[in-house]
Amino acid sequence: MRTPHAVGAEAALARAALAAPQPVLVCWEHHGVPRLVRALGADRLPGVPAAWPDRHDVVWAFTRRSGRWTFREVPQHLLSGDA
């Protein structure tokens, strides 16, 4: 399912993601990611950066089980010559 939301509508996107019955993948403008994380209520987790890093080869993975969030940063691990 696709849910169209504009940059700046992170609160609405967070509500839609939290209401989804299945896992959600969000591809978002990197400056808006911290606003989305705050809207999800996951911004105080250990290790969550306050701003998106100055790179584009990483995924922020949030998992919510029984109302509790976990966070991990998943690097792409590019090799020399891959990009």
PDB file of N, CA and C in Angstrom:
ATOM      1  N   MET A   1       0.846  -1.166   0.000  1.00  0.00           N
ATOM      2  CA  MET A   1       0.000   0.000   0.000  1.00  0.00           C
ATOM      3  C   MET A   1       0.892   1.230   0.000  1.00  0.00           C
ATOM      4  N   ARG A   2       0.566   2.195  -0.800  1.00  0.00           N
ATOM      5  CA  ARG A   2       1.269   3.468  -0.820  1.00  0.00           C
ATOM      6  C   ARG A   2       0.411   4.501  -0.118  1.00  0.00           C
ATOM      7  N   THR A   3       1.063   5.298   0.696  1.00  0.00           N
ATOM      8  CA  THR A   3       0.365   6.372   1.389  1.00  0.00           C
ATOM      9  C   THR A   3       1.093   7.669   1.078  1.00  0.00           C
ATOM     10  N   PRO A   4       0.505   8.531   0.272  1.00  0.00           N
ATOM     11  CA  PRO A   4       1.193   9.771  -0.100  1.00  0.00           C
ATOM     12  C   PRO A   4       1.138  10.803   1.036  1.00  0.00           C
ATOM     13  N   HIS A   5       2.292  11.279   1.422  1.00  0.00           N
ATOM     14  CA  HIS A   5       2.411  12.356   2.402  1.00  0.00           C
ATOM     15  C   HIS A   5       3.503  13.289   1.923  1.00  0.00           C
ATOM     16  N   ALA A   6       3.311  14.562   2.138  1.00  0.00           N
ATOM     17  CA  ALA A   6       4.298  15.555   1.739  1.00  0.00           C
ATOM     18  C   ALA A   6       5.296  15.780   2.869  1.00  0.00           C
ATOM     19  N   VAL A   7       6.502  16.219   2.496  1.00  0.00           N
ATOM     20  CA  VAL A   7       7.473  16.621   3.508  1.00  0.00           C
ATOM     21  C   VAL A   7       6.823  17.695   4.360  1.00  0.00           C
ATOM     22  N   GLY A   8       6.950  17.568   5.660  1.00  0.00           N
ATOM     23  CA  GLY A   8       6.282  18.470   6.590  1.00  0.00           C
ATOM     24  C   GLY A   8       5.064  17.824   7.226  1.00  0.00           C
ATOM     25  N   ALA A   9       4.605  16.706   6.654  1.00  0.00           N
ATOM     26  CA  ALA A   9       3.438  15.991   7.181  1.00  0.00           C
ATOM     27  C   ALA A   9       3.878  14.745   7.941  1.00  0.00           C
ATOM     28  N   GLU A  10       4.990  14.870   8.672  1.00  0.00           N
ATOM     29  CA  GLU A  10       5.540  13.710   9.366  1.00  0.00           C
ATOM     30  C   GLU A  10       4.593  13.157  10.427  1.00  0.00           C
ATOM     31  N   ALA A  11       3.824  14.021  11.085  1.00  0.00           N
ATOM     32  CA  ALA A  11       2.882  13.548  12.108  1.00  0.00           C
ATOM     33  C   ALA A  11       1.810  12.656  11.474  1.00  0.00           C
ATOM     34  N   ALA A  12       1.289  13.057  10.319  1.00  0.00           N
ATOM     35  CA  ALA A  12       0.284  12.250   9.626  1.00  0.00           C
ATOM     36  C   ALA A  12       0.886  10.938   9.141  1.00  0.00           C
ATOM     37  N   LEU A  13       2.111  11.001   8.647  1.00  0.00           N
ATOM     38  CA  LEU A  13       2.790   9.784   8.205  1.00  0.00           C
ATOM     39  C   LEU A  13       3.017   8.841   9.379  1.00  0.00           C
ATOM     40  N   ALA A  14       3.416   9.378  10.521  1.00  0.00           N
ATOM     41  CA  ALA A  14       3.629   8.542  11.713  1.00  0.00           C
ATOM     42  C   ALA A  14       2.328   7.864  12.133  1.00  0.00           C
ATOM     43  N   ARG A  15       1.227   8.586  12.114  1.00  0.00           N
ATOM     44  CA  ARG A  15      -0.073   7.982  12.471  1.00  0.00           C
ATOM     45  C   ARG A  15      -0.412   6.846  11.516  1.00  0.00           C
ATOM     46  N   ALA A  16      -0.193   7.063  10.215  1.00  0.00           N
ATOM     47  CA  ALA A  16      -0.491   6.019   9.225  1.00  0.00           C
ATOM     48  C   ALA A  16       0.416   4.803   9.438  1.00  0.00           C
ATOM     49  N   ALA A  17       1.689   5.041   9.711  1.00  0.00           N
ATOM     50  CA  ALA A  17       2.620   3.932   9.931  1.00  0.00           C
ATOM     51  C   ALA A  17       2.247   3.140  11.175  1.00  0.00           C
ATOM     52  N   LEU A  18       1.888   3.829  12.238  1.00  0.00           N
ATOM     53  CA  LEU A  18       1.529   3.145  13.481  1.00  0.00           C
ATOM     54  C   LEU A  18       0.224   2.370  13.358  1.00  0.00           C
ATOM     55  N   ALA A  19      -0.651   2.797  12.452  1.00  0.00           N
ATOM     56  CA  ALA A  19      -1.934   2.122  12.265  1.00  0.00           C
ATOM     57  C   ALA A  19      -1.850   0.950  11.289  1.00  0.00           C
ATOM     58  N   ALA A  20      -0.738   0.824  10.587  1.00  0.00           N
ATOM     59  CA  ALA A  20      -0.607  -0.230   9.579  1.00  0.00           C
ATOM     60  C   ALA A  20      -0.554  -1.607  10.236  1.00  0.00           C
ATOM     61  N   PRO A  21      -1.223  -2.595   9.646  1.00  0.00           N
ATOM     62  CA  PRO A  21      -1.236  -3.941  10.224  1.00  0.00           C
ATOM     63  C   PRO A  21       0.025  -4.758   9.919  1.00  0.00           C
ATOM     64  N   GLN A  22       0.888  -4.244   9.036  1.00  0.00           N
ATOM     65  CA  GLN A  22       2.088  -4.973   8.653  1.00  0.00           C
ATOM     66  C   GLN A  22       3.302  -4.056   8.782  1.00  0.00           C
ATOM     67  N   PRO A  23       4.508  -4.598   8.622  1.00  0.00           N
ATOM     68  CA  PRO A  23       5.700  -3.739   8.671  1.00  0.00           C
ATOM     69  C   PRO A  23       5.623  -2.627   7.629  1.00  0.00           C
ATOM     70  N   VAL A  24       6.284  -1.520   7.929  1.00  0.00           N
ATOM     71  CA  VAL A  24       6.221  -0.337   7.077  1.00  0.00           C
ATOM     72  C   VAL A  24       7.640   0.067   6.685  1.00  0.00           C
ATOM     73  N   LEU A  25       7.836   0.370   5.411  1.00  0.00           N
ATOM     74  CA  LEU A  25       9.083   0.931   4.917  1.00  0.00           C
ATOM     75  C   LEU A  25       8.793   2.372   4.521  1.00  0.00           C
ATOM     76  N   VAL A  26       9.537   3.306   5.098  1.00  0.00           N
ATOM     77  CA  VAL A  26       9.358   4.721   4.775  1.00  0.00           C
ATOM     78  C   VAL A  26      10.620   5.215   4.088  1.00  0.00           C
ATOM     79  N   CYS A  27      10.469   5.752   2.904  1.00  0.00           N
ATOM     80  CA  CYS A  27      11.554   6.417   2.187  1.00  0.00           C
ATOM     81  C   CYS A  27      11.231   7.902   2.257  1.00  0.00           C
ATOM     82  N   TRP A  28      12.134   8.675   2.853  1.00  0.00           N
ATOM     83  CA  TRP A  28      11.783  10.047   3.205  1.00  0.00           C
ATOM     84  C   TRP A  28      12.946  10.978   2.963  1.00  0.00           C
ATOM     85  N   GLU A  29      12.658  12.237   2.788  1.00  0.00           N
ATOM     86  CA  GLU A  29      13.655  13.285   2.641  1.00  0.00           C
ATOM     87  C   GLU A  29      14.457  13.350   3.941  1.00  0.00           C
ATOM     88  N   HIS A  30      15.787  13.294   3.841  1.00  0.00           N
ATOM     89  CA  HIS A  30      16.614  13.078   5.032  1.00  0.00           C
ATOM     90  C   HIS A  30      16.483  14.157   6.102  1.00  0.00           C
ATOM     91  N   HIS A  31      16.190  15.401   5.740  1.00  0.00           N
ATOM     92  CA  HIS A  31      16.022  16.439   6.769  1.00  0.00           C
ATOM     93  C   HIS A  31      14.744  16.230   7.577  1.00  0.00           C
ATOM     94  N   GLY A  32      13.759  15.552   7.018  1.00  0.00           N
ATOM     95  CA  GLY A  32      12.503  15.305   7.708  1.00  0.00           C
ATOM     96  C   GLY A  32      12.487  14.041   8.559  1.00  0.00           C
ATOM     97  N   VAL A  33      13.505  13.198   8.416  1.00  0.00           N
ATOM     98  CA  VAL A  33      13.533  11.936   9.162  1.00  0.00           C
ATOM     99  C   VAL A  33      13.489  12.168  10.678  1.00  0.00           C
ATOM    100  N   PRO A  34      14.288  13.089  11.238  1.00  0.00           N
ATOM    101  CA  PRO A  34      14.190  13.306  12.694  1.00  0.00           C
ATOM    102  C   PRO A  34      12.794  13.744  13.147  1.00  0.00           C
ATOM    103  N   ARG A  35      12.091  14.538  12.346  1.00  0.00           N
ATOM    104  CA  ARG A  35      10.705  14.923  12.699  1.00  0.00           C
ATOM    105  C   ARG A  35       9.801  13.704  12.703  1.00  0.00           C
ATOM    106  N   LEU A  36       9.999  12.799  11.762  1.00  0.00           N
ATOM    107  CA  LEU A  36       9.212  11.570  11.710  1.00  0.00           C
ATOM    108  C   LEU A  36       9.506  10.693  12.925  1.00  0.00           C
ATOM    109  N   VAL A  37      10.765  10.580  13.288  1.00  0.00           N
ATOM    110  CA  VAL A  37      11.147   9.774  14.459  1.00  0.00           C
ATOM    111  C   VAL A  37      10.505  10.343  15.723  1.00  0.00           C
ATOM    112  N   ARG A  38      10.505  11.680  15.864  1.00  0.00           N
ATOM    113  CA  ARG A  38       9.843  12.308  17.020  1.00  0.00           C
ATOM    114  C   ARG A  38       8.344  12.030  16.997  1.00  0.00           C
ATOM    115  N   ALA A  39       7.734  12.119  15.809  1.00  0.00           N
ATOM    116  CA  ALA A  39       6.292  11.879  15.693  1.00  0.00           C
ATOM    117  C   ALA A  39       5.934  10.432  16.042  1.00  0.00           C
ATOM    118  N   LEU A  40       6.835   9.515  15.797  1.00  0.00           N
ATOM    119  CA  LEU A  40       6.616   8.115  16.165  1.00  0.00           C
ATOM    120  C   LEU A  40       6.789   7.887  17.664  1.00  0.00           C
ATOM    121  N   GLY A  41       7.453   8.832  18.326  1.00  0.00           N
ATOM    122  CA  GLY A  41       7.733   8.670  19.752  1.00  0.00           C
ATOM    123  C   GLY A  41       8.959   7.817  20.003  1.00  0.00           C
ATOM    124  N   ALA A  42       9.856   7.740  19.020  1.00  0.00           N
ATOM    125  CA  ALA A  42      11.034   6.891  19.129  1.00  0.00           C
ATOM    126  C   ALA A  42      12.324   7.693  19.230  1.00  0.00           C
ATOM    127  N   ASP A  43      12.236   8.985  19.470  1.00  0.00           N
ATOM    128  CA  ASP A  43      13.412   9.856  19.431  1.00  0.00           C
ATOM    129  C   ASP A  43      14.298   9.782  20.670  1.00  0.00           C
ATOM    130  N   ARG A  44      13.843   9.179  21.739  1.00  0.00           N
ATOM    131  CA  ARG A  44      14.653   9.124  22.963  1.00  0.00           C
ATOM    132  C   ARG A  44      15.343   7.775  23.154  1.00  0.00           C
ATOM    133  N   LEU A  45      15.330   6.965  22.142  1.00  0.00           N
ATOM    134  CA  LEU A  45      16.010   5.673  22.224  1.00  0.00           C
ATOM    135  C   LEU A  45      17.518   5.861  22.222  1.00  0.00           C
ATOM    136  N   PRO A  46      18.237   5.038  22.952  1.00  0.00           N
ATOM    137  CA  PRO A  46      19.697   5.106  22.906  1.00  0.00           C
ATOM    138  C   PRO A  46      20.204   4.888  21.484  1.00  0.00           C
ATOM    139  N   GLY A  47      21.118   5.733  21.064  1.00  0.00           N
ATOM    140  CA  GLY A  47      21.744   5.592  19.757  1.00  0.00           C
ATOM    141  C   GLY A  47      21.068   6.312  18.620  1.00  0.00           C
ATOM    142  N   VAL A  48      19.856   6.844  18.826  1.00  0.00           N
ATOM    143  CA  VAL A  48      19.168   7.540  17.740  1.00  0.00           C
ATOM    144  C   VAL A  48      19.789   8.930  17.582  1.00  0.00           C
ATOM    145  N   PRO A  49      20.384   9.211  16.425  1.00  0.00           N
ATOM    146  CA  PRO A  49      20.978  10.539  16.207  1.00  0.00           C
ATOM    147  C   PRO A  49      19.908  11.632  16.187  1.00  0.00           C
ATOM    148  N   ALA A  50      20.288  12.835  16.577  1.00  0.00           N
ATOM    149  CA  ALA A  50      19.360  13.970  16.560  1.00  0.00           C
ATOM    150  C   ALA A  50      19.106  14.461  15.141  1.00  0.00           C
ATOM    151  N   ALA A  51      20.029  14.168  14.224  1.00  0.00           N
ATOM    152  CA  ALA A  51      19.892  14.586  12.825  1.00  0.00           C
ATOM    153  C   ALA A  51      20.376  13.452  11.931  1.00  0.00           C
ATOM    154  N   TRP A  52      19.893  13.469  10.703  1.00  0.00           N
ATOM    155  CA  TRP A  52      20.333  12.476   9.735  1.00  0.00           C
ATOM    156  C   TRP A  52      21.812  12.690   9.463  1.00  0.00           C
ATOM    157  N   PRO A  53      22.606  11.613   9.422  1.00  0.00           N
ATOM    158  CA  PRO A  53      24.044  11.775   9.169  1.00  0.00           C
ATOM    159  C   PRO A  53      24.290  12.291   7.754  1.00  0.00           C
ATOM    160  N   ASP A  54      25.457  12.830   7.527  1.00  0.00           N
ATOM    161  CA  ASP A  54      25.813  13.369   6.222  1.00  0.00           C
ATOM    162  C   ASP A  54      26.235  12.231   5.287  1.00  0.00           C
ATOM    163  N   ARG A  55      25.318  11.296   5.084  1.00  0.00           N
ATOM    164  CA  ARG A  55      25.543  10.160   4.193  1.00  0.00           C
ATOM    165  C   ARG A  55      24.195   9.611   3.743  1.00  0.00           C
ATOM    166  N   HIS A  56      24.223   8.846   2.666  1.00  0.00           N
ATOM    167  CA  HIS A  56      22.972   8.335   2.096  1.00  0.00           C
ATOM    168  C   HIS A  56      23.037   6.838   1.839  1.00  0.00           C
ATOM    169  N   ASP A  57      23.897   6.148   2.568  1.00  0.00           N
ATOM    170  CA  ASP A  57      24.031   4.704   2.392  1.00  0.00           C
ATOM    171  C   ASP A  57      23.687   3.977   3.684  1.00  0.00           C
ATOM    172  N   VAL A  58      22.678   4.472   4.375  1.00  0.00           N
ATOM    173  CA  VAL A  58      22.321   3.911   5.668  1.00  0.00           C
ATOM    174  C   VAL A  58      20.795   3.871   5.809  1.00  0.00           C
ATOM    175  N   VAL A  59      20.321   2.903   6.564  1.00  0.00           N
ATOM    176  CA  VAL A  59      18.891   2.776   6.863  1.00  0.00           C
ATOM    177  C   VAL A  59      18.736   2.827   8.368  1.00  0.00           C
ATOM    178  N   TRP A  60      17.772   3.593   8.840  1.00  0.00           N
ATOM    179  CA  TRP A  60      17.420   3.586  10.255  1.00  0.00           C
ATOM    180  C   TRP A  60      16.278   2.593  10.420  1.00  0.00           C
ATOM    181  N   ALA A  61      16.479   1.569  11.200  1.00  0.00           N
ATOM    182  CA  ALA A  61      15.470   0.527  11.409  1.00  0.00           C
ATOM    183  C   ALA A  61      14.909   0.642  12.826  1.00  0.00           C
ATOM    184  N   PHE A  62      13.613   0.857  12.906  1.00  0.00           N
ATOM    185  CA  PHE A  62      12.908   0.923  14.187  1.00  0.00           C
ATOM    186  C   PHE A  62      11.958  -0.259  14.261  1.00  0.00           C
ATOM    187  N   THR A  63      11.957  -0.933  15.374  1.00  0.00           N
ATOM    188  CA  THR A  63      11.060  -2.056  15.597  1.00  0.00           C
ATOM    189  C   THR A  63      10.251  -1.751  16.847  1.00  0.00           C
ATOM    190  N   ARG A  64       8.954  -1.994  16.776  1.00  0.00           N
ATOM    191  CA  ARG A  64       8.081  -1.742  17.920  1.00  0.00           C
ATOM    192  C   ARG A  64       7.377  -3.035  18.296  1.00  0.00           C
ATOM    193  N   ARG A  65       7.623  -3.470  19.515  1.00  0.00           N
ATOM    194  CA  ARG A  65       6.970  -4.673  20.034  1.00  0.00           C
ATOM    195  C   ARG A  65       6.421  -4.348  21.409  1.00  0.00           C
ATOM    196  N   SER A  66       5.181  -4.663  21.623  1.00  0.00           N
ATOM    197  CA  SER A  66       4.519  -4.420  22.917  1.00  0.00           C
ATOM    198  C   SER A  66       4.676  -2.975  23.364  1.00  0.00           C
ATOM    199  N   GLY A  67       4.603  -2.061  22.398  1.00  0.00           N
ATOM    200  CA  GLY A  67       4.670  -0.635  22.709  1.00  0.00           C
ATOM    201  C   GLY A  67       6.069  -0.099  22.964  1.00  0.00           C
ATOM    202  N   ARG A  68       7.098  -0.924  22.809  1.00  0.00           N
ATOM    203  CA  ARG A  68       8.475  -0.490  23.056  1.00  0.00           C
ATOM    204  C   ARG A  68       9.268  -0.500  21.749  1.00  0.00           C
ATOM    205  N   TRP A  69      10.046   0.559  21.539  1.00  0.00           N
ATOM    206  CA  TRP A  69      10.848   0.696  20.341  1.00  0.00           C
ATOM    207  C   TRP A  69      12.271   0.191  20.555  1.00  0.00           C
ATOM    208  N   THR A  70      12.853  -0.347  19.492  1.00  0.00           N
ATOM    209  CA  THR A  70      14.291  -0.586  19.423  1.00  0.00           C
ATOM    210  C   THR A  70      14.784   0.089  18.148  1.00  0.00           C
ATOM    211  N   PHE A  71      16.067   0.413  18.125  1.00  0.00           N
ATOM    212  CA  PHE A  71      16.653   1.132  16.990  1.00  0.00           C
ATOM    213  C   PHE A  71      17.967   0.484  16.603  1.00  0.00           C
ATOM    214  N   ARG A  72      18.216   0.440  15.307  1.00  0.00           N
ATOM    215  CA  ARG A  72      19.535   0.084  14.817  1.00  0.00           C
ATOM    216  C   ARG A  72      19.779   0.796  13.499  1.00  0.00           C
ATOM    217  N   GLU A  73      21.009   1.148  13.277  1.00  0.00           N
ATOM    218  CA  GLU A  73      21.413   1.797  12.035  1.00  0.00           C
ATOM    219  C   GLU A  73      22.060   0.730  11.167  1.00  0.00           C
ATOM    220  N   VAL A  74      21.563   0.564   9.957  1.00  0.00           N
ATOM    221  CA  VAL A  74      22.030  -0.492   9.065  1.00  0.00           C
ATOM    222  C   VAL A  74      22.796   0.152   7.905  1.00  0.00           C
ATOM    223  N   PRO A  75      24.144   0.038   7.910  1.00  0.00           N
ATOM    224  CA  PRO A  75      24.921   0.613   6.816  1.00  0.00           C
ATOM    225  C   PRO A  75      24.849  -0.270   5.575  1.00  0.00           C
ATOM    226  N   GLN A  76      25.062   0.345   4.436  1.00  0.00           N
ATOM    227  CA  GLN A  76      25.018  -0.385   3.181  1.00  0.00           C
ATOM    228  C   GLN A  76      26.316  -1.155   2.923  1.00  0.00           C
ATOM    229  N   HIS A  77      27.397  -0.761   3.542  1.00  0.00           N
ATOM    230  CA  HIS A  77      28.710  -1.401   3.375  1.00  0.00           C
ATOM    231  C   HIS A  77      29.156  -1.431   1.910  1.00  0.00           C
ATOM    232  N   LEU A  78      29.165  -0.261   1.283  1.00  0.00           N
ATOM    233  CA  LEU A  78      29.650  -0.175  -0.089  1.00  0.00           C
ATOM    234  C   LEU A  78      31.145  -0.462  -0.131  1.00  0.00           C
ATOM    235  N   LEU A  79      31.556  -1.098  -1.199  1.00  0.00           N
ATOM    236  CA  LEU A  79      32.975  -1.346  -1.446  1.00  0.00           C
ATOM    237  C   LEU A  79      33.494  -0.315  -2.431  1.00  0.00           C
ATOM    238  N   SER A  80      34.772  -0.118  -2.451  1.00  0.00           N
ATOM    239  CA  SER A  80      35.391   0.808  -3.389  1.00  0.00           C
ATOM    240  C   SER A  80      34.950   0.453  -4.808  1.00  0.00           C
ATOM    241  N   GLY A  81      34.458   1.448  -5.541  1.00  0.00           N
ATOM    242  CA  GLY A  81      34.011   1.237  -6.915  1.00  0.00           C
ATOM    243  C   GLY A  81      32.544   0.862  -7.051  1.00  0.00           C
ATOM    244  N   ASP A  82      31.828   0.642  -5.935  1.00  0.00           N
ATOM    245  CA  ASP A  82      30.415   0.264  -6.004  1.00  0.00           C
ATOM    246  C   ASP A  82      29.523   1.412  -6.449  1.00  0.00           C
ATOM    247  N   ALA A  83      29.867   2.623  -6.051  1.00  0.00           N
ATOM    248  CA  ALA A  83      28.985   3.762  -6.350  1.00  0.00           C
ATOM    249  C   ALA A  83      29.383   4.457  -7.614  1.00  0.00           C
TER     250      ALA A  83
END
